[in-house]
Amino acid sequence: MKKALESTGTDWETLEQVYGWVHQLAHVLGEEDVPTEERQLRFLLILLHMQQQAGQLDPRWQQALGHFLKVTRSYAPHLFFCYQIADLPRTNNGLEQSFGSVRRSERRATGRRGAVPGLVVHGAVRVQAALATRVKTFTAHDLSPYDIQAWRAVRAEVSSRQERRCKQSRFRKDPPAYLADLERRLLSC
């Protein structure tokens, strides 16, 4: 067995040290009832410690650890939203399951197998509404808009998406007629 370990050329002590740091990071992210700021500070302190210790490692490990630190730093600002926003899934898998359940409900309601056009056009509103109704039952008072400007902005965005989709459909049905109409309107200005 010693011969096999020597032939792989792996520095097991360094590997144990590096994985220890990764496990510390995972532990910080998995702790319960810790304020977000404290969690973020602990996380960044471990990353700083890893960076300081990286110079003492073999060059292969330095390169791997450098890549890990670079990628982790790029994700770091976004790792803590799930602790700041109640009921936000912690992982991409959790988010995918939530979105998948919305797609499945839409497919069951409409009988369509593919993407539901209404979900494409009204996605920002429909997905939020579908996910929110699983957490809480809303009353009529809850549904009345309290910020009219924000409500109008969302309505305008949904309407513009719907209009773009209609134009795409018209173009696909008869491209020459659509382009001729566009040209006629352009020249009349």
Protein backbone atom coordinates (compact mmCIF):
# COMPACT_ATOMS: atom_id res chain seq x y z
CA MET A 1 0.00 0.00 0.00
CA LYS A 2 2.87 2.36 0.80
CA LYS A 3 4.25 1.75 -2.69
CA ALA A 4 0.86 2.59 -4.24
CA LEU A 5 0.63 5.84 -2.26
CA GLU A 6 4.15 6.81 -3.26
CA SER A 7 3.46 6.06 -6.93
CA THR A 8 0.50 8.47 -7.01
CA GLY A 9 2.76 11.26 -5.81
CA THR A 10 -0.03 12.89 -3.83
CA ASP A 11 0.88 15.02 -0.87
CA TRP A 12 -1.80 13.73 1.49
CA GLU A 13 -1.01 16.21 4.25
CA THR A 14 -1.55 19.16 1.91
CA LEU A 15 -4.69 17.57 0.54
CA GLU A 16 -6.02 17.14 4.07
CA GLN A 17 -5.18 20.78 4.85
CA VAL A 18 -6.88 22.14 1.72
CA TYR A 19 -9.99 20.02 2.18
CA GLY A 20 -10.07 21.13 5.82
CA TRP A 21 -10.39 24.72 4.62
CA VAL A 22 -13.14 23.78 2.18
CA HIS A 23 -15.01 21.97 4.97
CA GLN A 24 -14.64 25.07 7.19
CA LEU A 25 -16.22 27.18 4.43
CA ALA A 26 -19.07 24.69 4.08
CA HIS A 27 -19.57 24.69 7.86
CA VAL A 28 -19.84 28.50 7.91
CA LEU A 29 -22.44 28.40 5.15
CA GLY A 30 -24.40 25.62 6.87
CA GLU A 31 -24.58 27.06 10.38
CA GLU A 32 -28.03 27.85 11.74
CA ASP A 33 -29.11 31.10 13.43
CA VAL A 34 -25.99 33.13 12.62
CA PRO A 35 -26.42 36.76 11.52
CA THR A 36 -25.61 37.26 7.84
CA GLU A 37 -22.86 39.81 8.49
CA GLU A 38 -21.09 37.48 10.91
CA ARG A 39 -21.41 34.56 8.50
CA GLN A 40 -20.00 36.65 5.67
CA LEU A 41 -17.11 37.87 7.84
CA ARG A 42 -16.20 34.31 8.91
CA PHE A 43 -16.33 33.17 5.31
CA LEU A 44 -14.04 35.96 4.13
CA LEU A 45 -11.61 35.36 7.02
CA ILE A 46 -11.22 31.72 5.99
CA LEU A 47 -10.61 32.80 2.38
CA LEU A 48 -7.99 35.29 3.59
CA HIS A 49 -6.30 32.58 5.67
CA MET A 50 -6.27 30.27 2.64
CA GLN A 51 -4.68 32.99 0.53
CA GLN A 52 -1.99 33.65 3.13
CA GLN A 53 -1.15 29.94 3.45
CA ALA A 54 -1.15 29.31 -0.32
CA GLY A 55 2.38 30.68 -0.70
CA GLN A 56 3.75 27.83 1.44
CA LEU A 57 2.27 25.12 -0.79
CA ASP A 58 3.68 23.23 -3.77
CA PRO A 59 3.23 25.21 -7.05
CA ARG A 60 0.57 22.73 -8.30
CA TRP A 61 -1.45 23.32 -5.15
CA GLN A 62 -0.88 27.07 -5.38
CA GLN A 63 -2.38 27.10 -8.88
CA ALA A 64 -5.39 25.00 -7.85
CA LEU A 65 -5.98 27.00 -4.69
CA GLY A 66 -5.58 30.27 -6.61
CA HIS A 67 -8.28 29.18 -9.04
CA PHE A 68 -10.55 28.11 -6.16
CA LEU A 69 -10.07 31.47 -4.41
CA LYS A 70 -10.69 33.42 -7.62
CA VAL A 71 -13.94 31.60 -8.38
CA THR A 72 -15.10 31.71 -4.76
CA ARG A 73 -14.46 35.45 -4.53
CA SER A 74 -16.48 36.03 -7.69
CA TYR A 75 -19.43 34.16 -6.14
CA ALA A 76 -18.96 35.49 -2.59
CA PRO A 77 -21.20 38.58 -2.85
CA HIS A 78 -24.09 36.41 -4.05
CA LEU A 79 -23.69 33.52 -1.62
CA PHE A 80 -25.47 35.25 1.21
CA PHE A 81 -28.79 36.34 -0.33
CA CYS A 82 -30.43 33.13 0.83
CA TYR A 83 -29.68 34.15 4.43
CA GLN A 84 -31.05 37.66 3.94
CA ILE A 85 -34.29 36.75 2.16
CA ALA A 86 -36.68 34.44 3.99
CA ASP A 87 -37.71 31.23 2.18
CA LEU A 88 -35.18 31.71 -0.64
CA PRO A 89 -33.71 28.29 -1.48
CA ARG A 90 -30.02 27.98 -0.62
CA THR A 91 -28.89 26.14 -3.71
CA ASN A 92 -29.45 26.18 -7.44
CA ASN A 93 -31.07 22.76 -7.01
CA GLY A 94 -33.63 24.29 -4.66
CA LEU A 95 -34.32 27.11 -7.11
CA GLU A 96 -34.60 24.67 -10.02
CA GLN A 97 -37.10 22.58 -8.06
CA SER A 98 -39.17 25.69 -7.36
CA PHE A 99 -39.16 26.77 -11.01
CA GLY A 100 -39.79 23.18 -12.12
CA SER A 101 -42.87 22.97 -9.93
CA VAL A 102 -44.20 26.19 -11.52
CA ARG A 103 -43.57 24.79 -15.03
CA ARG A 104 -45.23 21.51 -14.07
CA SER A 105 -48.30 23.34 -12.71
CA GLU A 106 -48.55 25.41 -15.89
CA ARG A 107 -48.28 22.30 -18.06
CA ARG A 108 -50.96 20.50 -16.03
CA ALA A 109 -53.29 23.50 -16.19
CA THR A 110 -52.91 24.05 -19.95
CA GLY A 111 -52.21 20.54 -21.21
CA ARG A 112 -49.20 21.78 -23.19
CA ARG A 113 -46.00 19.75 -23.21
CA GLY A 114 -43.60 22.55 -24.16
CA ALA A 115 -43.08 26.01 -22.80
CA VAL A 116 -46.33 27.78 -22.03
CA PRO A 117 -46.41 31.09 -23.98
CA GLY A 118 -48.08 32.86 -21.06
CA LEU A 119 -45.23 31.83 -18.80
CA VAL A 120 -42.73 33.22 -21.29
CA VAL A 121 -44.53 36.56 -21.63
CA HIS A 122 -45.71 36.97 -18.03
CA GLY A 123 -42.92 34.93 -16.42
CA ALA A 124 -41.63 37.54 -13.98
CA VAL A 125 -45.11 38.01 -12.56
CA ARG A 126 -46.46 34.47 -12.81
CA VAL A 127 -43.45 32.73 -11.28
CA GLN A 128 -43.37 35.10 -8.33
CA ALA A 129 -47.10 34.72 -7.80
CA ALA A 130 -46.96 30.92 -8.03
CA LEU A 131 -44.07 30.69 -5.57
CA ALA A 132 -45.57 33.22 -3.15
CA THR A 133 -48.95 31.47 -2.97
CA ARG A 134 -47.23 28.30 -1.75
CA VAL A 135 -45.88 30.16 1.26
CA LYS A 136 -48.85 32.36 2.17
CA THR A 137 -52.54 32.75 1.42
CA PHE A 138 -53.27 36.26 0.19
CA THR A 139 -56.38 38.34 0.87
CA ALA A 140 -57.91 40.92 -1.47
CA HIS A 141 -56.33 43.64 0.65
CA ASP A 142 -52.88 42.03 0.18
CA LEU A 143 -53.33 42.01 -3.59
CA SER A 144 -54.23 45.67 -4.01
CA PRO A 145 -51.20 47.61 -5.28
CA TYR A 146 -49.67 49.89 -2.68
CA ASP A 147 -47.04 51.39 -5.02
CA ILE A 148 -48.92 52.44 -8.15
CA GLN A 149 -45.75 53.53 -10.00
CA ALA A 150 -44.08 50.13 -9.47
CA TRP A 151 -47.28 48.35 -10.51
CA ARG A 152 -47.46 50.46 -13.69
CA ALA A 153 -43.81 49.73 -14.47
CA VAL A 154 -44.42 45.98 -14.20
CA ARG A 155 -47.55 46.25 -16.36
CA ALA A 156 -45.63 48.24 -19.00
CA GLU A 157 -42.84 45.66 -19.06
CA VAL A 158 -45.29 42.76 -19.43
CA SER A 159 -47.20 44.64 -22.17
CA SER A 160 -44.01 45.37 -24.11
CA ARG A 161 -43.01 41.69 -23.88
CA GLN A 162 -46.44 40.67 -25.11
CA GLU A 163 -46.26 43.15 -27.99
CA ARG A 164 -42.80 41.88 -29.02
CA ARG A 165 -44.10 38.31 -29.00
CA CYS A 166 -47.05 39.30 -31.22
CA LYS A 167 -44.67 40.99 -33.67
CA GLN A 168 -42.49 37.90 -33.78
CA SER A 169 -45.56 35.82 -34.57
CA ARG A 170 -46.63 38.18 -37.36
CA PHE A 171 -43.13 38.11 -38.83
CA ARG A 172 -42.98 34.29 -38.76
CA LYS A 173 -46.38 33.98 -40.45
CA ASP A 174 -45.65 36.31 -43.39
CA PRO A 175 -42.16 37.90 -43.42
CA PRO A 176 -42.55 39.84 -46.74
CA ALA A 177 -45.83 41.44 -45.68
CA TYR A 178 -44.48 42.33 -42.24
CA LEU A 179 -41.34 43.92 -43.70
CA ALA A 180 -43.33 45.79 -46.37
CA ASP A 181 -45.60 47.23 -43.64
CA LEU A 182 -42.56 48.27 -41.60
CA GLU A 183 -41.00 49.93 -44.65
CA ARG A 184 -44.26 51.75 -45.46
CA ARG A 185 -44.52 53.09 -41.89
CA LEU A 186 -40.86 54.13 -41.89
CA LEU A 187 -41.21 56.05 -45.17
CA SER A 188 -44.41 57.78 -44.04
CA CYS A 189 -42.60 59.46 -41.09
